[in-house]
Amino acid sequence: MVFKAATFRGIEPQVETDHSTRASLEAAVSNALGVAGGIDASDVTVTATDADIFLDGSVGTVEQIERATIVARSVEGVHAVRNRILLSEGGRG
């Protein structure tokens, strides 16, 4: 068997190496939100880009929105939190 050096036409493919780090960070923040008191995070989605966390979804009160930011910031490895959580219909402002 003969092995040849890889050749690419155009741009060399990029290998995503930080996928497991992002997934771990997303899981850590999701878990922290799930076990934190004062938040119903069942409709909250956590997405990581590098060490920045994006929170999307809806909760029932403004206090829960604020608490979600605090909890997410407390997770080790989180650099910044972008909270885009909305108040759900029927929620208390």
C-alpha atoms as a PDB file:
ATOM      1  CA  MET A   1       0.000   0.000   0.000  1.00  0.00           C
ATOM      2  CA  VAL A   2       1.297   3.444  -0.943  1.00  0.00           C
ATOM      3  CA  PHE A   3       0.386   6.559   1.018  1.00  0.00           C
ATOM      4  CA  LYS A   4       0.424   9.875  -0.773  1.00  0.00           C
ATOM      5  CA  ALA A   5       0.521  13.313   0.761  1.00  0.00           C
ATOM      6  CA  ALA A   6      -2.873  14.962   0.944  1.00  0.00           C
ATOM      7  CA  THR A   7      -3.530  17.481  -1.782  1.00  0.00           C
ATOM      8  CA  PHE A   8      -6.407  19.914  -1.918  1.00  0.00           C
ATOM      9  CA  ARG A   9      -7.793  21.955  -4.736  1.00  0.00           C
ATOM     10  CA  GLY A  10      -8.492  25.416  -3.444  1.00  0.00           C
ATOM     11  CA  ILE A  11      -8.827  26.010   0.289  1.00  0.00           C
ATOM     12  CA  GLU A  12      -7.601  23.356   2.677  1.00  0.00           C
ATOM     13  CA  PRO A  13     -10.463  21.996   4.824  1.00  0.00           C
ATOM     14  CA  GLN A  14     -10.713  23.328   8.351  1.00  0.00           C
ATOM     15  CA  VAL A  15     -10.998  20.864  11.184  1.00  0.00           C
ATOM     16  CA  GLU A  16     -13.107  22.048  14.100  1.00  0.00           C
ATOM     17  CA  THR A  17     -10.988  21.264  17.144  1.00  0.00           C
ATOM     18  CA  ASP A  18     -12.874  23.114  19.868  1.00  0.00           C
ATOM     19  CA  HIS A  19     -16.194  21.318  19.360  1.00  0.00           C
ATOM     20  CA  SER A  20     -15.852  19.243  22.513  1.00  0.00           C
ATOM     21  CA  THR A  21     -14.877  22.335  24.525  1.00  0.00           C
ATOM     22  CA  ARG A  22     -17.942  24.239  23.311  1.00  0.00           C
ATOM     23  CA  ALA A  23     -20.194  21.252  23.948  1.00  0.00           C
ATOM     24  CA  SER A  24     -18.786  20.868  27.455  1.00  0.00           C
ATOM     25  CA  LEU A  25     -19.317  24.548  28.206  1.00  0.00           C
ATOM     26  CA  GLU A  26     -22.885  24.453  26.855  1.00  0.00           C
ATOM     27  CA  ALA A  27     -23.610  21.363  28.976  1.00  0.00           C
ATOM     28  CA  ALA A  28     -22.094  22.948  32.091  1.00  0.00           C
ATOM     29  CA  VAL A  29     -24.199  26.105  31.724  1.00  0.00           C
ATOM     30  CA  SER A  30     -27.345  24.099  30.926  1.00  0.00           C
ATOM     31  CA  ASN A  31     -26.804  21.949  33.996  1.00  0.00           C
ATOM     32  CA  ALA A  32     -26.168  24.990  36.188  1.00  0.00           C
ATOM     33  CA  LEU A  33     -29.401  26.592  34.976  1.00  0.00           C
ATOM     34  CA  GLY A  34     -31.277  23.347  35.539  1.00  0.00           C
ATOM     35  CA  VAL A  35     -30.227  22.949  39.152  1.00  0.00           C
ATOM     36  CA  ALA A  36     -30.241  26.632  40.114  1.00  0.00           C
ATOM     37  CA  GLY A  37     -33.093  27.729  42.274  1.00  0.00           C
ATOM     38  CA  GLY A  38     -35.416  30.426  41.050  1.00  0.00           C
ATOM     39  CA  ILE A  39     -35.294  29.588  37.329  1.00  0.00           C
ATOM     40  CA  ASP A  40     -37.545  27.468  35.150  1.00  0.00           C
ATOM     41  CA  ALA A  41     -35.004  26.870  32.375  1.00  0.00           C
ATOM     42  CA  SER A  42     -37.069  24.290  30.492  1.00  0.00           C
ATOM     43  CA  ASP A  43     -37.527  26.708  27.562  1.00  0.00           C
ATOM     44  CA  VAL A  44     -33.984  28.135  27.602  1.00  0.00           C
ATOM     45  CA  THR A  45     -31.392  27.193  24.989  1.00  0.00           C
ATOM     46  CA  VAL A  46     -27.666  27.559  25.674  1.00  0.00           C
ATOM     47  CA  THR A  47     -25.216  28.068  22.809  1.00  0.00           C
ATOM     48  CA  ALA A  48     -21.473  28.682  23.111  1.00  0.00           C
ATOM     49  CA  THR A  49     -19.227  30.546  20.703  1.00  0.00           C
ATOM     50  CA  ASP A  50     -15.700  30.280  22.035  1.00  0.00           C
ATOM     51  CA  ALA A  51     -16.156  31.249  25.700  1.00  0.00           C
ATOM     52  CA  ASP A  52     -19.206  33.441  25.049  1.00  0.00           C
ATOM     53  CA  ILE A  53     -22.582  32.024  26.068  1.00  0.00           C
ATOM     54  CA  PHE A  54     -25.847  32.910  24.326  1.00  0.00           C
ATOM     55  CA  LEU A  55     -29.080  32.323  26.227  1.00  0.00           C
ATOM     56  CA  ASP A  56     -32.269  32.160  24.162  1.00  0.00           C
ATOM     57  CA  GLY A  57     -35.835  31.199  24.960  1.00  0.00           C
ATOM     58  CA  SER A  58     -38.426  32.377  27.429  1.00  0.00           C
ATOM     59  CA  VAL A  59     -39.136  32.361  31.150  1.00  0.00           C
ATOM     60  CA  GLY A  60     -42.028  33.527  33.289  1.00  0.00           C
ATOM     61  CA  THR A  61     -40.540  36.512  35.145  1.00  0.00           C
ATOM     62  CA  VAL A  62     -37.980  39.280  34.747  1.00  0.00           C
ATOM     63  CA  GLU A  63     -36.269  37.967  37.877  1.00  0.00           C
ATOM     64  CA  GLN A  64     -35.665  34.629  36.142  1.00  0.00           C
ATOM     65  CA  ILE A  65     -34.090  36.405  33.170  1.00  0.00           C
ATOM     66  CA  GLU A  66     -31.692  38.216  35.495  1.00  0.00           C
ATOM     67  CA  ARG A  67     -30.979  35.064  37.524  1.00  0.00           C
ATOM     68  CA  ALA A  68     -30.129  33.119  34.344  1.00  0.00           C
ATOM     69  CA  THR A  69     -27.397  35.643  33.521  1.00  0.00           C
ATOM     70  CA  ILE A  70     -25.938  35.423  37.019  1.00  0.00           C
ATOM     71  CA  VAL A  71     -25.924  31.628  36.991  1.00  0.00           C
ATOM     72  CA  ALA A  72     -24.383  31.411  33.502  1.00  0.00           C
ATOM     73  CA  ARG A  73     -21.613  33.866  34.453  1.00  0.00           C
ATOM     74  CA  SER A  74     -20.752  31.755  37.496  1.00  0.00           C
ATOM     75  CA  VAL A  75     -19.800  28.721  35.374  1.00  0.00           C
ATOM     76  CA  GLU A  76     -16.053  28.242  35.046  1.00  0.00           C
ATOM     77  CA  GLY A  77     -14.801  28.995  31.544  1.00  0.00           C
ATOM     78  CA  VAL A  78     -17.559  31.456  30.634  1.00  0.00           C
ATOM     79  CA  HIS A  79     -16.129  34.730  29.355  1.00  0.00           C
ATOM     80  CA  ALA A  80     -19.320  36.654  28.533  1.00  0.00           C
ATOM     81  CA  VAL A  81     -23.073  36.045  28.600  1.00  0.00           C
ATOM     82  CA  ARG A  82     -25.438  37.391  25.955  1.00  0.00           C
ATOM     83  CA  ASN A  83     -28.898  37.029  27.438  1.00  0.00           C
ATOM     84  CA  ARG A  84     -31.592  37.033  24.762  1.00  0.00           C
ATOM     85  CA  ILE A  85     -34.242  35.380  26.953  1.00  0.00           C
ATOM     86  CA  LEU A  86     -37.700  36.882  26.569  1.00  0.00           C
ATOM     87  CA  LEU A  87     -40.581  37.119  28.989  1.00  0.00           C
ATOM     88  CA  SER A  88     -43.108  34.450  28.091  1.00  0.00           C
ATOM     89  CA  GLU A  89     -46.718  35.388  27.411  1.00  0.00           C
ATOM     90  CA  GLY A  90     -48.559  35.605  30.656  1.00  0.00           C
ATOM     91  CA  GLY A  91     -45.312  36.237  32.506  1.00  0.00           C
ATOM     92  CA  ARG A  92     -44.981  38.831  35.216  1.00  0.00           C
ATOM     93  CA  GLY A  93     -42.883  41.888  34.407  1.00  0.00           C
END
